[in-house]
Amino acid sequence: MTIIIDDAGVGDLLFGVVIGAFRNRTQEFRYEIVDVKYFRFQRFNRKEYLKQASKTVFKLLGKLELKPDEGIHICRGYIFDEAVKDLTRKYGNKRVSRVKVTGEPQHLTETAYLDEIRNLGYRPLKERDKKRAKSFFHMMNWLKKNPDKLRFAKTGWPRLSRYRLFKSYRQVQSEEGR
């Protein structure tokens, strides 16, 4: 028996990050969200999203009531670096493995993320996984047309400062002390 942990949305411009947990034996799936506020300038620079991802993983394992004989397979993505350290400290090296997540756990986690961004009113590109840059600019253009949705954007990436849309938003964030 294994619980598989995956993430979706880390590299996307919109929304926070969905972290999903899948119990392979029963096909049970739960997910939680790492709020977008952890991907804004100050918190992003302090890498607070890593601590929050770890807390979220533990919360999901609690909801699924991790059994003493269950292994934990967790995605290789960097967002889980701190979670893996914390899990290994608590459960030991033998129960925690970094894996490439595929199949149903990946599909369910990705679907949960897509549902969340659709709830914002955004319609993702069908080929978003194959064309990351195109998806990024599609999201950015949607934000230009919907500036009231900037509060759902990950604005902490330093390279975003080269875009006028994010320069002004970052100034507002700094003045508000976020």
C-alpha atoms as a PDB file:
ATOM      1  CA  MET A   1       0.000   0.000   0.000  1.00  0.00           C
ATOM      2  CA  THR A   2       1.247   3.421  -0.965  1.00  0.00           C
ATOM      3  CA  ILE A   3       0.170   7.033  -0.882  1.00  0.00           C
ATOM      4  CA  ILE A   4       1.372   9.025  -3.861  1.00  0.00           C
ATOM      5  CA  ILE A   5       1.856  12.804  -3.549  1.00  0.00           C
ATOM      6  CA  ASP A   6       1.947  15.068  -6.600  1.00  0.00           C
ATOM      7  CA  ASP A   7       1.670  18.777  -7.405  1.00  0.00           C
ATOM      8  CA  ALA A   8       0.185  20.851 -10.203  1.00  0.00           C
ATOM      9  CA  GLY A   9       0.498  24.503 -11.110  1.00  0.00           C
ATOM     10  CA  VAL A  10       3.958  25.296  -9.725  1.00  0.00           C
ATOM     11  CA  GLY A  11       5.237  26.683 -13.018  1.00  0.00           C
ATOM     12  CA  ASP A  12       2.008  28.350 -14.037  1.00  0.00           C
ATOM     13  CA  LEU A  13       1.328  32.036 -13.644  1.00  0.00           C
ATOM     14  CA  LEU A  14      -2.169  31.649 -12.209  1.00  0.00           C
ATOM     15  CA  PHE A  15      -3.386  30.470  -8.834  1.00  0.00           C
ATOM     16  CA  GLY A  16      -1.514  28.718  -6.069  1.00  0.00           C
ATOM     17  CA  VAL A  17      -0.401  25.110  -6.250  1.00  0.00           C
ATOM     18  CA  VAL A  18      -2.557  22.038  -5.924  1.00  0.00           C
ATOM     19  CA  ILE A  19      -1.032  19.189  -3.943  1.00  0.00           C
ATOM     20  CA  GLY A  20      -2.790  15.883  -4.364  1.00  0.00           C
ATOM     21  CA  ALA A  21      -2.578  12.656  -2.374  1.00  0.00           C
ATOM     22  CA  PHE A  22      -3.690   9.343  -3.887  1.00  0.00           C
ATOM     23  CA  ARG A  23      -3.999   6.002  -2.097  1.00  0.00           C
ATOM     24  CA  ASN A  24      -3.332   3.459  -4.808  1.00  0.00           C
ATOM     25  CA  ARG A  25      -5.097   0.527  -3.132  1.00  0.00           C
ATOM     26  CA  THR A  26      -8.468   2.253  -2.694  1.00  0.00           C
ATOM     27  CA  GLN A  27      -8.150   4.943  -5.405  1.00  0.00           C
ATOM     28  CA  GLU A  28      -8.938   7.543  -2.723  1.00  0.00           C
ATOM     29  CA  PHE A  29      -7.868  11.074  -3.683  1.00  0.00           C
ATOM     30  CA  ARG A  30      -7.683  14.304  -1.710  1.00  0.00           C
ATOM     31  CA  TYR A  31      -6.109  17.625  -2.482  1.00  0.00           C
ATOM     32  CA  GLU A  32      -5.203  20.870  -0.771  1.00  0.00           C
ATOM     33  CA  ILE A  33      -3.971  24.208  -2.056  1.00  0.00           C
ATOM     34  CA  VAL A  34      -0.790  26.116  -1.296  1.00  0.00           C
ATOM     35  CA  ASP A  35      -2.158  29.640  -1.489  1.00  0.00           C
ATOM     36  CA  VAL A  36      -0.902  32.011  -4.161  1.00  0.00           C
ATOM     37  CA  LYS A  37       0.276  34.411  -1.424  1.00  0.00           C
ATOM     38  CA  TYR A  38       3.314  32.134  -0.916  1.00  0.00           C
ATOM     39  CA  PHE A  39       4.351  32.864  -4.519  1.00  0.00           C
ATOM     40  CA  ARG A  40       4.400  36.636  -4.180  1.00  0.00           C
ATOM     41  CA  PHE A  41       7.582  38.651  -3.955  1.00  0.00           C
ATOM     42  CA  GLN A  42       8.474  38.740  -0.230  1.00  0.00           C
ATOM     43  CA  ARG A  43       7.296  35.242   0.689  1.00  0.00           C
ATOM     44  CA  PHE A  44       8.587  33.794  -2.554  1.00  0.00           C
ATOM     45  CA  ASN A  45      12.066  35.179  -1.906  1.00  0.00           C
ATOM     46  CA  ARG A  46      12.020  33.607   1.551  1.00  0.00           C
ATOM     47  CA  LYS A  47      10.850  30.322  -0.041  1.00  0.00           C
ATOM     48  CA  GLU A  48       7.937  30.109   2.379  1.00  0.00           C
ATOM     49  CA  TYR A  49       6.111  27.982  -0.197  1.00  0.00           C
ATOM     50  CA  LEU A  50       8.449  25.079   0.660  1.00  0.00           C
ATOM     51  CA  LYS A  51       7.373  25.089   4.326  1.00  0.00           C
ATOM     52  CA  GLN A  52       3.755  25.455   3.301  1.00  0.00           C
ATOM     53  CA  ALA A  53       4.038  22.535   0.866  1.00  0.00           C
ATOM     54  CA  SER A  54       5.440  20.374   3.675  1.00  0.00           C
ATOM     55  CA  LYS A  55       2.570  21.362   5.997  1.00  0.00           C
ATOM     56  CA  THR A  56       0.115  20.587   3.229  1.00  0.00           C
ATOM     57  CA  VAL A  57       1.583  17.117   2.644  1.00  0.00           C
ATOM     58  CA  PHE A  58       1.267  16.294   6.337  1.00  0.00           C
ATOM     59  CA  LYS A  59      -2.297  17.606   6.351  1.00  0.00           C
ATOM     60  CA  LEU A  60      -3.197  15.341   3.435  1.00  0.00           C
ATOM     61  CA  LEU A  61      -1.561  12.312   5.060  1.00  0.00           C
ATOM     62  CA  GLY A  62      -3.644  13.060   8.153  1.00  0.00           C
ATOM     63  CA  LYS A  63      -6.839  13.257   6.128  1.00  0.00           C
ATOM     64  CA  LEU A  64      -6.030   9.933   4.482  1.00  0.00           C
ATOM     65  CA  GLU A  65      -5.057   8.462   7.865  1.00  0.00           C
ATOM     66  CA  LEU A  66      -1.674   7.115   6.779  1.00  0.00           C
ATOM     67  CA  LYS A  67      -1.342   3.500   7.881  1.00  0.00           C
ATOM     68  CA  PRO A  68       1.828   2.242   9.617  1.00  0.00           C
ATOM     69  CA  ASP A  69       2.580  -0.131   6.726  1.00  0.00           C
ATOM     70  CA  GLU A  70       2.047   2.408   3.918  1.00  0.00           C
ATOM     71  CA  GLY A  71       4.859   3.877   1.902  1.00  0.00           C
ATOM     72  CA  ILE A  72       4.902   7.479   0.752  1.00  0.00           C
ATOM     73  CA  HIS A  73       5.853   8.142  -2.853  1.00  0.00           C
ATOM     74  CA  ILE A  74       6.361  11.843  -3.479  1.00  0.00           C
ATOM     75  CA  CYS A  75       6.972  13.733  -6.697  1.00  0.00           C
ATOM     76  CA  ARG A  76      10.552  14.755  -7.510  1.00  0.00           C
ATOM     77  CA  GLY A  77       9.569  18.416  -7.936  1.00  0.00           C
ATOM     78  CA  TYR A  78      11.583  20.941  -5.931  1.00  0.00           C
ATOM     79  CA  ILE A  79       8.456  22.143  -4.134  1.00  0.00           C
ATOM     80  CA  PHE A  80       8.647  18.950  -2.082  1.00  0.00           C
ATOM     81  CA  ASP A  81      12.309  19.262  -1.010  1.00  0.00           C
ATOM     82  CA  GLU A  82      11.446  20.356   2.516  1.00  0.00           C
ATOM     83  CA  ALA A  83       8.506  17.954   2.753  1.00  0.00           C
ATOM     84  CA  VAL A  84      10.769  15.011   1.924  1.00  0.00           C
ATOM     85  CA  LYS A  85      13.215  16.023   4.675  1.00  0.00           C
ATOM     86  CA  ASP A  86      10.361  16.358   7.168  1.00  0.00           C
ATOM     87  CA  LEU A  87       8.761  13.070   6.096  1.00  0.00           C
ATOM     88  CA  THR A  88      12.061  11.215   6.280  1.00  0.00           C
ATOM     89  CA  ARG A  89      12.686  12.594   9.772  1.00  0.00           C
ATOM     90  CA  LYS A  90       9.278  11.399  10.911  1.00  0.00           C
ATOM     91  CA  TYR A  91       8.852   8.123   8.989  1.00  0.00           C
ATOM     92  CA  GLY A  92      12.393   7.102   7.980  1.00  0.00           C
ATOM     93  CA  ASN A  93      14.149   6.541   4.655  1.00  0.00           C
ATOM     94  CA  LYS A  94      12.449   3.212   3.965  1.00  0.00           C
ATOM     95  CA  ARG A  95       8.929   4.659   3.838  1.00  0.00           C
ATOM     96  CA  VAL A  96       9.632   7.775   1.754  1.00  0.00           C
ATOM     97  CA  SER A  97      10.611   7.663  -1.930  1.00  0.00           C
ATOM     98  CA  ARG A  98      11.006  10.376  -4.569  1.00  0.00           C
ATOM     99  CA  VAL A  99       9.313   9.248  -7.778  1.00  0.00           C
ATOM    100  CA  LYS A 100       8.141  10.454 -11.157  1.00  0.00           C
ATOM    101  CA  VAL A 101       4.375  10.553 -10.730  1.00  0.00           C
ATOM    102  CA  THR A 102       2.323   9.312 -13.690  1.00  0.00           C
ATOM    103  CA  GLY A 103      -1.071   7.811 -14.336  1.00  0.00           C
ATOM    104  CA  GLU A 104      -4.142   8.395 -12.204  1.00  0.00           C
ATOM    105  CA  PRO A 105      -2.462  10.361  -9.359  1.00  0.00           C
ATOM    106  CA  GLN A 106      -0.978  12.808 -11.855  1.00  0.00           C
ATOM    107  CA  HIS A 107      -4.227  13.062 -13.818  1.00  0.00           C
ATOM    108  CA  LEU A 108      -6.349  13.738 -10.718  1.00  0.00           C
ATOM    109  CA  THR A 109      -3.958  16.371  -9.359  1.00  0.00           C
ATOM    110  CA  GLU A 110      -3.730  18.142 -12.710  1.00  0.00           C
ATOM    111  CA  THR A 111      -7.508  18.025 -13.117  1.00  0.00           C
ATOM    112  CA  ALA A 112      -7.974  19.561  -9.655  1.00  0.00           C
ATOM    113  CA  TYR A 113      -5.623  22.421 -10.610  1.00  0.00           C
ATOM    114  CA  LEU A 114      -7.392  22.991 -13.936  1.00  0.00           C
ATOM    115  CA  ASP A 115     -10.749  23.052 -12.172  1.00  0.00           C
ATOM    116  CA  GLU A 116      -9.443  25.680  -9.750  1.00  0.00           C
ATOM    117  CA  ILE A 117      -8.200  27.998 -12.504  1.00  0.00           C
ATOM    118  CA  ARG A 118     -11.432  27.501 -14.444  1.00  0.00           C
ATOM    119  CA  ASN A 119     -13.246  28.673 -11.307  1.00  0.00           C
ATOM    120  CA  LEU A 120     -11.388  31.975 -11.738  1.00  0.00           C
ATOM    121  CA  GLY A 121     -12.914  32.322 -15.191  1.00  0.00           C
ATOM    122  CA  TYR A 122      -9.753  31.331 -17.052  1.00  0.00           C
ATOM    123  CA  ARG A 123      -9.960  28.758 -19.852  1.00  0.00           C
ATOM    124  CA  PRO A 124      -6.651  26.878 -20.152  1.00  0.00           C
ATOM    125  CA  LEU A 125      -5.114  25.962 -23.470  1.00  0.00           C
ATOM    126  CA  LYS A 126      -5.637  22.327 -24.443  1.00  0.00           C
ATOM    127  CA  GLU A 127      -1.939  21.889 -25.265  1.00  0.00           C
ATOM    128  CA  ARG A 128      -0.694  23.684 -22.121  1.00  0.00           C
ATOM    129  CA  ASP A 129       1.643  20.865 -21.041  1.00  0.00           C
ATOM    130  CA  LYS A 130       3.368  20.705 -24.405  1.00  0.00           C
ATOM    131  CA  LYS A 131       3.639  24.460 -24.898  1.00  0.00           C
ATOM    132  CA  ARG A 132       4.585  25.988 -21.542  1.00  0.00           C
ATOM    133  CA  ALA A 133       5.681  29.361 -22.938  1.00  0.00           C
ATOM    134  CA  LYS A 134       2.500  29.718 -24.976  1.00  0.00           C
ATOM    135  CA  SER A 135       0.447  28.843 -21.885  1.00  0.00           C
ATOM    136  CA  PHE A 136       2.329  31.446 -19.816  1.00  0.00           C
ATOM    137  CA  PHE A 137       1.607  34.219 -22.327  1.00  0.00           C
ATOM    138  CA  HIS A 138      -1.991  33.055 -22.675  1.00  0.00           C
ATOM    139  CA  MET A 139      -2.381  33.438 -18.889  1.00  0.00           C
ATOM    140  CA  MET A 140      -0.605  36.788 -18.916  1.00  0.00           C
ATOM    141  CA  ASN A 141      -2.828  38.118 -21.708  1.00  0.00           C
ATOM    142  CA  TRP A 142      -5.887  36.934 -19.790  1.00  0.00           C
ATOM    143  CA  LEU A 143      -4.632  38.859 -16.746  1.00  0.00           C
ATOM    144  CA  LYS A 144      -4.184  41.999 -18.881  1.00  0.00           C
ATOM    145  CA  LYS A 145      -7.832  41.696 -19.900  1.00  0.00           C
ATOM    146  CA  ASN A 146      -8.877  40.891 -16.314  1.00  0.00           C
ATOM    147  CA  PRO A 147      -6.654  43.072 -14.074  1.00  0.00           C
ATOM    148  CA  ASP A 148      -8.961  42.422 -11.108  1.00  0.00           C
ATOM    149  CA  LYS A 149      -7.652  38.829 -11.217  1.00  0.00           C
ATOM    150  CA  LEU A 150      -4.011  39.869 -10.618  1.00  0.00           C
ATOM    151  CA  ARG A 151      -4.495  38.846  -7.000  1.00  0.00           C
ATOM    152  CA  PHE A 152      -4.510  35.248  -8.298  1.00  0.00           C
ATOM    153  CA  ALA A 153      -1.145  35.588 -10.074  1.00  0.00           C
ATOM    154  CA  LYS A 154       2.184  34.258  -8.890  1.00  0.00           C
ATOM    155  CA  THR A 155       4.145  37.504  -8.978  1.00  0.00           C
ATOM    156  CA  GLY A 156       7.275  36.556  -7.040  1.00  0.00           C
ATOM    157  CA  TRP A 157       9.397  35.422  -9.962  1.00  0.00           C
ATOM    158  CA  PRO A 158      12.096  38.072 -10.520  1.00  0.00           C
ATOM    159  CA  ARG A 159      11.810  37.896 -14.321  1.00  0.00           C
ATOM    160  CA  LEU A 160       8.223  39.117 -14.175  1.00  0.00           C
ATOM    161  CA  SER A 161       9.499  42.602 -13.341  1.00  0.00           C
ATOM    162  CA  ARG A 162      10.328  43.083 -17.016  1.00  0.00           C
ATOM    163  CA  TYR A 163       6.603  43.098 -17.829  1.00  0.00           C
ATOM    164  CA  ARG A 164       4.740  46.341 -17.211  1.00  0.00           C
ATOM    165  CA  LEU A 165       1.671  44.475 -15.896  1.00  0.00           C
ATOM    166  CA  PHE A 166       3.666  43.063 -12.990  1.00  0.00           C
ATOM    167  CA  LYS A 167       5.861  46.107 -12.294  1.00  0.00           C
ATOM    168  CA  SER A 168       2.882  48.158 -11.204  1.00  0.00           C
ATOM    169  CA  TYR A 169       1.336  45.256  -9.289  1.00  0.00           C
ATOM    170  CA  ARG A 170       4.577  44.605  -7.397  1.00  0.00           C
ATOM    171  CA  GLN A 171       4.733  48.274  -6.367  1.00  0.00           C
ATOM    172  CA  VAL A 172       1.195  48.062  -4.985  1.00  0.00           C
ATOM    173  CA  GLN A 173       2.086  44.882  -3.086  1.00  0.00           C
ATOM    174  CA  SER A 174       5.178  46.500  -1.580  1.00  0.00           C
ATOM    175  CA  GLU A 175       3.209  49.538  -0.463  1.00  0.00           C
ATOM    176  CA  GLU A 176       0.549  47.336   1.148  1.00  0.00           C
ATOM    177  CA  GLY A 177       3.258  45.341   2.954  1.00  0.00           C
ATOM    178  CA  ARG A 178       2.212  41.964   1.627  1.00  0.00           C
END
